[in-house]
């Protein structure tokens, strides 16, 4: 329905307001389809002679009269309805119009916490209802302002979340306490590294030394210099003290100097320290 404004003339037909929508003022221009497979589909199923309509506003009127334009109650501009069978070979996609929860999120809403990517609780409730049952576990690995946790709690799901920000803990406790009241005792917070139970018994990581020496052709990953085998040491790319494992993909060879210099750092942290 619309496209980028770029250098469009403000007086061009595609720039002028239609039905109260001034898309030009929002950096867009009207772009009702005139050619292509969907224009042909519209002509074949809804509007005979549609592709011969020259003016963009005339095409908008024809589309609107045929019921092919969706006018959102709180959106910035209308959208063109698309039918899945018009896109041969393209899997159908979902368009969720209610509850709103993406670009139309209102910062004046009572539930708004200030997160730029925050979604409405009603939207997450919709997803949780159609994908789980009461008593199931809902997991959000990037739970941010805790909206998924709030929605899952309201729908009687067991929930768990992960986030890098300590603010998430405060938000989930505050938001669920607002629902449950003073009886809410707070979330169970785990801030230590969990121990994996799927690793099985791994050989001593030093047994990979010969293989790594061959794969790296004797070159230290740290300083990019060649060394004899006796000088090379096996290093954990992600240190074991920070959750790294003895799996081969987490191992590399460093020369003795680089290995001691790297210590308990990740490679990115160590390289950054070399430039300070």
C-alpha atoms as a PDB file:
ATOM      1  CA  UNK A   1       0.000   0.000   0.000  1.00  0.00           C
ATOM      2  CA  UNK A   2       2.878   2.403   0.706  1.00  0.00           C
ATOM      3  CA  UNK A   3       6.562   2.657  -0.138  1.00  0.00           C
ATOM      4  CA  UNK A   4       9.559   4.769   0.934  1.00  0.00           C
ATOM      5  CA  UNK A   5       9.269   8.456   0.091  1.00  0.00           C
ATOM      6  CA  UNK A   6      12.890   8.929  -1.017  1.00  0.00           C
ATOM      7  CA  UNK A   7      12.949  12.032  -3.286  1.00  0.00           C
ATOM      8  CA  UNK A   8       9.282  11.983  -4.289  1.00  0.00           C
ATOM      9  CA  UNK A   9       7.610  15.246  -5.288  1.00  0.00           C
ATOM     10  CA  UNK A  10       5.272  16.485  -2.556  1.00  0.00           C
ATOM     11  CA  UNK A  11       2.680  17.358  -5.209  1.00  0.00           C
ATOM     12  CA  UNK A  12       2.809  14.006  -7.002  1.00  0.00           C
ATOM     13  CA  UNK A  13      -0.451  12.001  -6.808  1.00  0.00           C
ATOM     14  CA  UNK A  14       1.266   9.280  -4.790  1.00  0.00           C
ATOM     15  CA  UNK A  15       2.271  11.895  -2.191  1.00  0.00           C
ATOM     16  CA  UNK A  16      -1.145  13.463  -1.658  1.00  0.00           C
ATOM     17  CA  UNK A  17      -3.399  12.522   1.278  1.00  0.00           C
ATOM     18  CA  UNK A  18      -6.150   9.957   0.809  1.00  0.00           C
ATOM     19  CA  UNK A  19      -9.121   9.430   3.129  1.00  0.00           C
ATOM     20  CA  UNK A  20      -7.366  11.461   5.832  1.00  0.00           C
ATOM     21  CA  UNK A  21      -4.123   9.484   5.690  1.00  0.00           C
ATOM     22  CA  UNK A  22      -1.130  11.757   5.029  1.00  0.00           C
ATOM     23  CA  UNK A  23       1.540   9.150   4.430  1.00  0.00           C
ATOM     24  CA  UNK A  24       3.910  11.666   2.830  1.00  0.00           C
ATOM     25  CA  UNK A  25       4.214  13.429   6.182  1.00  0.00           C
ATOM     26  CA  UNK A  26       5.368  10.107   7.655  1.00  0.00           C
ATOM     27  CA  UNK A  27       8.045   9.503   5.041  1.00  0.00           C
ATOM     28  CA  UNK A  28       5.950   7.294   2.761  1.00  0.00           C
ATOM     29  CA  UNK A  29       4.078   7.476  -0.556  1.00  0.00           C
ATOM     30  CA  UNK A  30       1.083   5.535  -1.829  1.00  0.00           C
ATOM     31  CA  UNK A  31       2.020   2.395  -3.760  1.00  0.00           C
ATOM     32  CA  UNK A  32      -1.185   0.520  -4.571  1.00  0.00           C
ATOM     33  CA  UNK A  33      -0.159  -2.373  -6.851  1.00  0.00           C
ATOM     34  CA  UNK A  34      -0.704  -1.872 -10.574  1.00  0.00           C
ATOM     35  CA  UNK A  35       1.476  -4.657 -11.989  1.00  0.00           C
ATOM     36  CA  UNK A  36       2.654  -8.031 -10.808  1.00  0.00           C
ATOM     37  CA  UNK A  37       1.009 -11.255  -9.718  1.00  0.00           C
ATOM     38  CA  UNK A  38      -1.143  -9.747  -6.965  1.00  0.00           C
ATOM     39  CA  UNK A  39      -2.507  -7.018  -9.225  1.00  0.00           C
ATOM     40  CA  UNK A  40      -3.456  -9.781 -11.677  1.00  0.00           C
ATOM     41  CA  UNK A  41      -5.088 -11.723  -8.836  1.00  0.00           C
ATOM     42  CA  UNK A  42      -7.119  -8.682  -7.804  1.00  0.00           C
ATOM     43  CA  UNK A  43      -8.267  -8.154 -11.391  1.00  0.00           C
ATOM     44  CA  UNK A  44      -9.193 -11.814 -11.803  1.00  0.00           C
ATOM     45  CA  UNK A  45     -11.090 -12.240  -8.525  1.00  0.00           C
ATOM     46  CA  UNK A  46     -12.313  -8.816  -7.363  1.00  0.00           C
ATOM     47  CA  UNK A  47     -12.023  -5.841  -9.717  1.00  0.00           C
ATOM     48  CA  UNK A  48     -12.358  -6.489 -13.478  1.00  0.00           C
ATOM     49  CA  UNK A  49     -10.043  -4.186 -15.418  1.00  0.00           C
ATOM     50  CA  UNK A  50      -8.138  -3.232 -12.249  1.00  0.00           C
ATOM     51  CA  UNK A  51      -4.717  -3.079 -13.937  1.00  0.00           C
ATOM     52  CA  UNK A  52      -5.980  -0.537 -16.452  1.00  0.00           C
ATOM     53  CA  UNK A  53      -6.760   1.983 -13.683  1.00  0.00           C
ATOM     54  CA  UNK A  54      -4.008   4.585 -14.055  1.00  0.00           C
ATOM     55  CA  UNK A  55      -4.306   6.915 -11.057  1.00  0.00           C
ATOM     56  CA  UNK A  56      -3.018   5.699  -7.683  1.00  0.00           C
ATOM     57  CA  UNK A  57      -5.908   7.355  -5.841  1.00  0.00           C
ATOM     58  CA  UNK A  58      -8.368   5.767  -8.249  1.00  0.00           C
ATOM     59  CA  UNK A  59      -6.827   2.365  -7.536  1.00  0.00           C
ATOM     60  CA  UNK A  60      -7.085   3.042  -3.804  1.00  0.00           C
ATOM     61  CA  UNK A  61     -10.776   3.862  -4.176  1.00  0.00           C
ATOM     62  CA  UNK A  62     -11.378   0.708  -6.218  1.00  0.00           C
ATOM     63  CA  UNK A  63      -9.554  -1.441  -3.671  1.00  0.00           C
ATOM     64  CA  UNK A  64     -11.471   0.151  -0.813  1.00  0.00           C
ATOM     65  CA  UNK A  65     -14.813  -0.368  -2.552  1.00  0.00           C
ATOM     66  CA  UNK A  66     -13.934  -4.039  -3.024  1.00  0.00           C
ATOM     67  CA  UNK A  67     -13.176  -4.413   0.688  1.00  0.00           C
ATOM     68  CA  UNK A  68      -9.488  -5.036   0.113  1.00  0.00           C
ATOM     69  CA  UNK A  69      -8.174  -2.281   2.382  1.00  0.00           C
ATOM     70  CA  UNK A  70      -7.907  -2.662   6.137  1.00  0.00           C
ATOM     71  CA  UNK A  71      -8.340   0.562   8.125  1.00  0.00           C
ATOM     72  CA  UNK A  72      -6.735   0.123  11.572  1.00  0.00           C
ATOM     73  CA  UNK A  73      -8.422   1.877  14.463  1.00  0.00           C
ATOM     74  CA  UNK A  74      -5.131   3.100  15.892  1.00  0.00           C
ATOM     75  CA  UNK A  75      -2.666   2.602  13.056  1.00  0.00           C
ATOM     76  CA  UNK A  76      -0.795   5.206  11.045  1.00  0.00           C
ATOM     77  CA  UNK A  77      -1.942   4.121   7.570  1.00  0.00           C
ATOM     78  CA  UNK A  78      -4.158   1.421   6.043  1.00  0.00           C
ATOM     79  CA  UNK A  79      -2.984  -1.925   4.757  1.00  0.00           C
ATOM     80  CA  UNK A  80      -3.788  -4.020   1.709  1.00  0.00           C
ATOM     81  CA  UNK A  81      -5.424  -7.349   2.439  1.00  0.00           C
ATOM     82  CA  UNK A  82      -3.607 -10.261   0.841  1.00  0.00           C
ATOM     83  CA  UNK A  83      -4.924 -13.739   0.115  1.00  0.00           C
ATOM     84  CA  UNK A  84      -2.642 -16.728   0.581  1.00  0.00           C
ATOM     85  CA  UNK A  85      -3.754 -18.490  -2.605  1.00  0.00           C
ATOM     86  CA  UNK A  86      -2.496 -15.481  -4.616  1.00  0.00           C
ATOM     87  CA  UNK A  87       1.102 -16.326  -3.685  1.00  0.00           C
ATOM     88  CA  UNK A  88       1.749 -19.616  -5.430  1.00  0.00           C
ATOM     89  CA  UNK A  89       4.527 -21.508  -3.741  1.00  0.00           C
ATOM     90  CA  UNK A  90       4.755 -19.078  -0.799  1.00  0.00           C
ATOM     91  CA  UNK A  91       3.726 -20.452   2.621  1.00  0.00           C
ATOM     92  CA  UNK A  92       0.875 -18.423   4.164  1.00  0.00           C
ATOM     93  CA  UNK A  93       1.829 -16.043   6.939  1.00  0.00           C
ATOM     94  CA  UNK A  94      -0.101 -14.813   9.950  1.00  0.00           C
ATOM     95  CA  UNK A  95      -1.308 -11.254  10.413  1.00  0.00           C
ATOM     96  CA  UNK A  96      -2.382 -10.485  13.972  1.00  0.00           C
ATOM     97  CA  UNK A  97      -4.512  -7.357  14.098  1.00  0.00           C
ATOM     98  CA  UNK A  98      -5.836  -7.746  17.616  1.00  0.00           C
ATOM     99  CA  UNK A  99      -4.502  -7.389  20.234  1.00  0.00           C
ATOM    100  CA  UNK A 100      -1.993  -4.892  18.914  1.00  0.00           C
ATOM    101  CA  UNK A 101       1.495  -5.258  20.283  1.00  0.00           C
ATOM    102  CA  UNK A 102       4.159  -4.307  17.787  1.00  0.00           C
ATOM    103  CA  UNK A 103       4.729  -0.914  16.145  1.00  0.00           C
ATOM    104  CA  UNK A 104       1.475   0.489  17.522  1.00  0.00           C
ATOM    105  CA  UNK A 105       2.360   0.018  21.185  1.00  0.00           C
ATOM    106  CA  UNK A 106       1.235   3.032  23.180  1.00  0.00           C
ATOM    107  CA  UNK A 107       3.771   4.485  25.605  1.00  0.00           C
ATOM    108  CA  UNK A 108       0.896   5.981  27.581  1.00  0.00           C
ATOM    109  CA  UNK A 109      -0.412   2.529  28.480  1.00  0.00           C
ATOM    110  CA  UNK A 110      -0.459   1.615  32.162  1.00  0.00           C
ATOM    111  CA  UNK A 111       1.595  -1.515  31.533  1.00  0.00           C
ATOM    112  CA  UNK A 112       4.369   0.278  29.621  1.00  0.00           C
ATOM    113  CA  UNK A 113       7.737  -0.100  31.395  1.00  0.00           C
ATOM    114  CA  UNK A 114       9.962   1.874  29.038  1.00  0.00           C
ATOM    115  CA  UNK A 115      11.424  -1.039  27.058  1.00  0.00           C
ATOM    116  CA  UNK A 116      11.568  -0.132  23.369  1.00  0.00           C
ATOM    117  CA  UNK A 117      10.664  -3.644  22.241  1.00  0.00           C
ATOM    118  CA  UNK A 118       7.939  -4.236  24.821  1.00  0.00           C
ATOM    119  CA  UNK A 119       4.858  -6.191  23.722  1.00  0.00           C
ATOM    120  CA  UNK A 120       1.408  -6.104  25.254  1.00  0.00           C
ATOM    121  CA  UNK A 121       0.522  -8.752  27.819  1.00  0.00           C
ATOM    122  CA  UNK A 122      -2.607  -9.571  25.774  1.00  0.00           C
ATOM    123  CA  UNK A 123      -0.453 -10.395  22.752  1.00  0.00           C
ATOM    124  CA  UNK A 124       1.764 -12.796  24.723  1.00  0.00           C
ATOM    125  CA  UNK A 125      -1.341 -14.331  26.298  1.00  0.00           C
ATOM    126  CA  UNK A 126      -2.615 -15.004  22.785  1.00  0.00           C
ATOM    127  CA  UNK A 127       0.582 -16.840  21.833  1.00  0.00           C
ATOM    128  CA  UNK A 128       0.700 -18.816  25.080  1.00  0.00           C
ATOM    129  CA  UNK A 129      -2.959 -19.895  24.844  1.00  0.00           C
ATOM    130  CA  UNK A 130      -2.582 -21.312  21.340  1.00  0.00           C
ATOM    131  CA  UNK A 131       0.718 -23.068  22.003  1.00  0.00           C
ATOM    132  CA  UNK A 132       0.411 -24.530  25.500  1.00  0.00           C
ATOM    133  CA  UNK A 133      -1.935 -25.784  28.198  1.00  0.00           C
ATOM    134  CA  UNK A 134      -2.283 -24.867  31.892  1.00  0.00           C
ATOM    135  CA  UNK A 135       0.562 -26.463  33.815  1.00  0.00           C
ATOM    136  CA  UNK A 136       2.945 -26.436  30.841  1.00  0.00           C
ATOM    137  CA  UNK A 137       6.283 -24.643  31.071  1.00  0.00           C
ATOM    138  CA  UNK A 138       6.866 -21.388  29.187  1.00  0.00           C
ATOM    139  CA  UNK A 139      10.488 -20.354  28.689  1.00  0.00           C
ATOM    140  CA  UNK A 140      11.681 -16.946  27.468  1.00  0.00           C
ATOM    141  CA  UNK A 141      15.480 -16.800  26.984  1.00  0.00           C
ATOM    142  CA  UNK A 142      15.449 -13.009  26.480  1.00  0.00           C
ATOM    143  CA  UNK A 143      12.698 -11.959  28.870  1.00  0.00           C
ATOM    144  CA  UNK A 144      13.531  -8.239  29.077  1.00  0.00           C
ATOM    145  CA  UNK A 145      10.687  -6.462  30.842  1.00  0.00           C
ATOM    146  CA  UNK A 146       9.105  -9.800  31.843  1.00  0.00           C
ATOM    147  CA  UNK A 147       5.888  -9.555  29.785  1.00  0.00           C
ATOM    148  CA  UNK A 148       6.058 -13.249  28.863  1.00  0.00           C
ATOM    149  CA  UNK A 149       6.445 -14.150  32.520  1.00  0.00           C
ATOM    150  CA  UNK A 150       3.438 -12.039  33.507  1.00  0.00           C
ATOM    151  CA  UNK A 151       1.255 -13.538  30.775  1.00  0.00           C
ATOM    152  CA  UNK A 152       2.336 -17.095  31.630  1.00  0.00           C
ATOM    153  CA  UNK A 153       1.655 -16.543  35.323  1.00  0.00           C
ATOM    154  CA  UNK A 154      -1.841 -15.223  34.619  1.00  0.00           C
ATOM    155  CA  UNK A 155      -2.574 -18.286  32.486  1.00  0.00           C
ATOM    156  CA  UNK A 156      -1.370 -20.721  35.161  1.00  0.00           C
ATOM    157  CA  UNK A 157       1.742 -21.849  33.310  1.00  0.00           C
ATOM    158  CA  UNK A 158       5.043 -22.686  34.937  1.00  0.00           C
ATOM    159  CA  UNK A 159       7.513 -20.112  33.673  1.00  0.00           C
ATOM    160  CA  UNK A 160      11.239 -19.441  33.504  1.00  0.00           C
ATOM    161  CA  UNK A 161      13.187 -16.593  31.976  1.00  0.00           C
ATOM    162  CA  UNK A 162      16.740 -15.476  31.289  1.00  0.00           C
ATOM    163  CA  UNK A 163      18.058 -11.971  30.788  1.00  0.00           C
ATOM    164  CA  UNK A 164      21.375 -10.186  31.070  1.00  0.00           C
ATOM    165  CA  UNK A 165      19.874  -7.232  32.955  1.00  0.00           C
ATOM    166  CA  UNK A 166      19.272  -7.367  36.745  1.00  0.00           C
ATOM    167  CA  UNK A 167      16.374  -4.957  36.124  1.00  0.00           C
ATOM    168  CA  UNK A 168      14.356  -7.908  34.809  1.00  0.00           C
ATOM    169  CA  UNK A 169      14.227  -9.433  38.298  1.00  0.00           C
ATOM    170  CA  UNK A 170      12.786  -6.230  39.735  1.00  0.00           C
ATOM    171  CA  UNK A 171      10.265  -5.924  36.907  1.00  0.00           C
ATOM    172  CA  UNK A 172       8.980  -9.486  37.089  1.00  0.00           C
ATOM    173  CA  UNK A 173       8.536  -9.233  40.859  1.00  0.00           C
ATOM    174  CA  UNK A 174       6.841  -5.841  40.680  1.00  0.00           C
ATOM    175  CA  UNK A 175       4.518  -6.781  37.817  1.00  0.00           C
ATOM    176  CA  UNK A 176       3.442 -10.146  39.252  1.00  0.00           C
ATOM    177  CA  UNK A 177       3.038  -8.645  42.728  1.00  0.00           C
ATOM    178  CA  UNK A 178       0.656  -6.152  41.140  1.00  0.00           C
ATOM    179  CA  UNK A 179      -1.402  -9.127  39.891  1.00  0.00           C
ATOM    180  CA  UNK A 180      -1.193 -11.409  42.917  1.00  0.00           C
ATOM    181  CA  UNK A 181      -0.882  -8.929  45.717  1.00  0.00           C
ATOM    182  CA  UNK A 182       1.258  -9.072  48.848  1.00  0.00           C
ATOM    183  CA  UNK A 183       1.160 -12.892  48.956  1.00  0.00           C
ATOM    184  CA  UNK A 184       3.621 -13.055  46.048  1.00  0.00           C
ATOM    185  CA  UNK A 185       6.921 -14.108  47.596  1.00  0.00           C
ATOM    186  CA  UNK A 186       9.120 -13.214  44.663  1.00  0.00           C
ATOM    187  CA  UNK A 187      10.732 -15.097  41.812  1.00  0.00           C
ATOM    188  CA  UNK A 188      13.314 -17.805  42.428  1.00  0.00           C
ATOM    189  CA  UNK A 189      16.483 -16.135  41.152  1.00  0.00           C
ATOM    190  CA  UNK A 190      19.524 -18.133  40.035  1.00  0.00           C
ATOM    191  CA  UNK A 191      22.551 -16.004  39.197  1.00  0.00           C
ATOM    192  CA  UNK A 192      25.211 -18.737  39.216  1.00  0.00           C
ATOM    193  CA  UNK A 193      26.181 -20.783  36.197  1.00  0.00           C
ATOM    194  CA  UNK A 194      23.981 -23.890  35.898  1.00  0.00           C
ATOM    195  CA  UNK A 195      25.728 -27.227  35.585  1.00  0.00           C
ATOM    196  CA  UNK A 196      25.007 -29.149  32.398  1.00  0.00           C
ATOM    197  CA  UNK A 197      23.724 -32.719  32.714  1.00  0.00           C
ATOM    198  CA  UNK A 198      23.915 -33.682  29.036  1.00  0.00           C
ATOM    199  CA  UNK A 199      27.672 -33.868  28.603  1.00  0.00           C
ATOM    200  CA  UNK A 200      28.366 -37.440  29.573  1.00  0.00           C
ATOM    201  CA  UNK A 201      31.924 -38.464  30.413  1.00  0.00           C
ATOM    202  CA  UNK A 202      34.464 -36.526  28.366  1.00  0.00           C
ATOM    203  CA  UNK A 203      38.153 -37.412  28.027  1.00  0.00           C
ATOM    204  CA  UNK A 204      40.725 -35.140  29.583  1.00  0.00           C
ATOM    205  CA  UNK A 205      40.887 -32.039  27.417  1.00  0.00           C
ATOM    206  CA  UNK A 206      44.670 -32.348  27.079  1.00  0.00           C
ATOM    207  CA  UNK A 207      44.232 -35.536  25.023  1.00  0.00           C
ATOM    208  CA  UNK A 208      43.167 -33.308  22.098  1.00  0.00           C
ATOM    209  CA  UNK A 209      46.551 -31.599  21.977  1.00  0.00           C
ATOM    210  CA  UNK A 210      47.977 -33.588  19.051  1.00  0.00           C
ATOM    211  CA  UNK A 211      44.808 -33.193  16.979  1.00  0.00           C
ATOM    212  CA  UNK A 212      44.665 -29.450  17.606  1.00  0.00           C
ATOM    213  CA  UNK A 213      48.327 -29.077  16.712  1.00  0.00           C
ATOM    214  CA  UNK A 214      47.658 -30.717  13.374  1.00  0.00           C
ATOM    215  CA  UNK A 215      44.497 -28.704  12.671  1.00  0.00           C
ATOM    216  CA  UNK A 216      46.228 -25.423  13.524  1.00  0.00           C
ATOM    217  CA  UNK A 217      49.419 -26.497  11.712  1.00  0.00           C
ATOM    218  CA  UNK A 218      51.423 -25.543  14.771  1.00  0.00           C
ATOM    219  CA  UNK A 219      50.261 -21.926  14.762  1.00  0.00           C
ATOM    220  CA  UNK A 220      49.242 -20.226  18.019  1.00  0.00           C
ATOM    221  CA  UNK A 221      45.717 -18.743  17.760  1.00  0.00           C
ATOM    222  CA  UNK A 222      46.783 -15.873  20.004  1.00  0.00           C
ATOM    223  CA  UNK A 223      49.895 -14.440  18.358  1.00  0.00           C
ATOM    224  CA  UNK A 224      49.603 -16.212  14.992  1.00  0.00           C
ATOM    225  CA  UNK A 225      53.167 -17.530  15.278  1.00  0.00           C
ATOM    226  CA  UNK A 226      54.443 -21.056  14.634  1.00  0.00           C
ATOM    227  CA  UNK A 227      55.822 -23.017  17.601  1.00  0.00           C
ATOM    228  CA  UNK A 228      57.108 -26.545  18.198  1.00  0.00           C
ATOM    229  CA  UNK A 229      54.638 -28.962  19.799  1.00  0.00           C
ATOM    230  CA  UNK A 230      56.261 -28.827  23.251  1.00  0.00           C
ATOM    231  CA  UNK A 231      55.565 -25.078  23.563  1.00  0.00           C
ATOM    232  CA  UNK A 232      51.825 -25.307  22.784  1.00  0.00           C
ATOM    233  CA  UNK A 233      49.173 -25.599  25.502  1.00  0.00           C
ATOM    234  CA  UNK A 234      45.473 -26.490  25.311  1.00  0.00           C
ATOM    235  CA  UNK A 235      43.236 -23.526  26.145  1.00  0.00           C
ATOM    236  CA  UNK A 236      39.492 -23.282  26.735  1.00  0.00           C
ATOM    237  CA  UNK A 237      38.068 -20.664  24.361  1.00  0.00           C
ATOM    238  CA  UNK A 238      35.326 -19.984  26.907  1.00  0.00           C
ATOM    239  CA  UNK A 239      37.003 -20.609  30.285  1.00  0.00           C
ATOM    240  CA  UNK A 240      35.632 -23.496  32.340  1.00  0.00           C
ATOM    241  CA  UNK A 241      35.137 -21.136  35.269  1.00  0.00           C
ATOM    242  CA  UNK A 242      32.680 -19.214  33.084  1.00  0.00           C
ATOM    243  CA  UNK A 243      30.682 -22.157  31.779  1.00  0.00           C
ATOM    244  CA  UNK A 244      33.016 -23.505  29.092  1.00  0.00           C
ATOM    245  CA  UNK A 245      33.248 -27.249  28.497  1.00  0.00           C
ATOM    246  CA  UNK A 246      35.918 -29.745  27.509  1.00  0.00           C
ATOM    247  CA  UNK A 247      34.298 -30.320  24.118  1.00  0.00           C
ATOM    248  CA  UNK A 248      36.707 -30.121  21.202  1.00  0.00           C
ATOM    249  CA  UNK A 249      34.898 -27.114  19.703  1.00  0.00           C
ATOM    250  CA  UNK A 250      35.736 -25.140  22.879  1.00  0.00           C
ATOM    251  CA  UNK A 251      39.440 -25.954  22.731  1.00  0.00           C
ATOM    252  CA  UNK A 252      42.376 -24.333  20.971  1.00  0.00           C
ATOM    253  CA  UNK A 253      46.154 -24.288  21.209  1.00  0.00           C
ATOM    254  CA  UNK A 254      48.025 -21.245  22.465  1.00  0.00           C
ATOM    255  CA  UNK A 255      51.707 -20.810  23.063  1.00  0.00           C
ATOM    256  CA  UNK A 256      52.733 -20.773  26.713  1.00  0.00           C
ATOM    257  CA  UNK A 257      53.010 -16.978  26.814  1.00  0.00           C
ATOM    258  CA  UNK A 258      49.580 -16.332  25.227  1.00  0.00           C
ATOM    259  CA  UNK A 259      47.888 -18.943  27.390  1.00  0.00           C
ATOM    260  CA  UNK A 260      49.143 -17.373  30.601  1.00  0.00           C
ATOM    261  CA  UNK A 261      48.386 -13.903  29.361  1.00  0.00           C
ATOM    262  CA  UNK A 262      44.797 -14.868  28.428  1.00  0.00           C
ATOM    263  CA  UNK A 263      44.132 -16.446  31.808  1.00  0.00           C
ATOM    264  CA  UNK A 264      40.424 -16.417  32.707  1.00  0.00           C
ATOM    265  CA  UNK A 265      39.398 -14.120  29.855  1.00  0.00           C
ATOM    266  CA  UNK A 266      37.451 -14.915  26.715  1.00  0.00           C
ATOM    267  CA  UNK A 267      39.360 -14.433  23.478  1.00  0.00           C
ATOM    268  CA  UNK A 268      37.485 -11.195  22.777  1.00  0.00           C
ATOM    269  CA  UNK A 269      38.300  -9.822  26.234  1.00  0.00           C
ATOM    270  CA  UNK A 270      41.935 -10.873  25.957  1.00  0.00           C
ATOM    271  CA  UNK A 271      42.403  -9.305  22.513  1.00  0.00           C
ATOM    272  CA  UNK A 272      40.798  -6.095  23.764  1.00  0.00           C
ATOM    273  CA  UNK A 273      43.204  -6.023  26.710  1.00  0.00           C
ATOM    274  CA  UNK A 274      46.157  -6.286  24.308  1.00  0.00           C
ATOM    275  CA  UNK A 275      45.182  -2.982  22.678  1.00  0.00           C
ATOM    276  CA  UNK A 276      44.797  -1.009  25.917  1.00  0.00           C
END
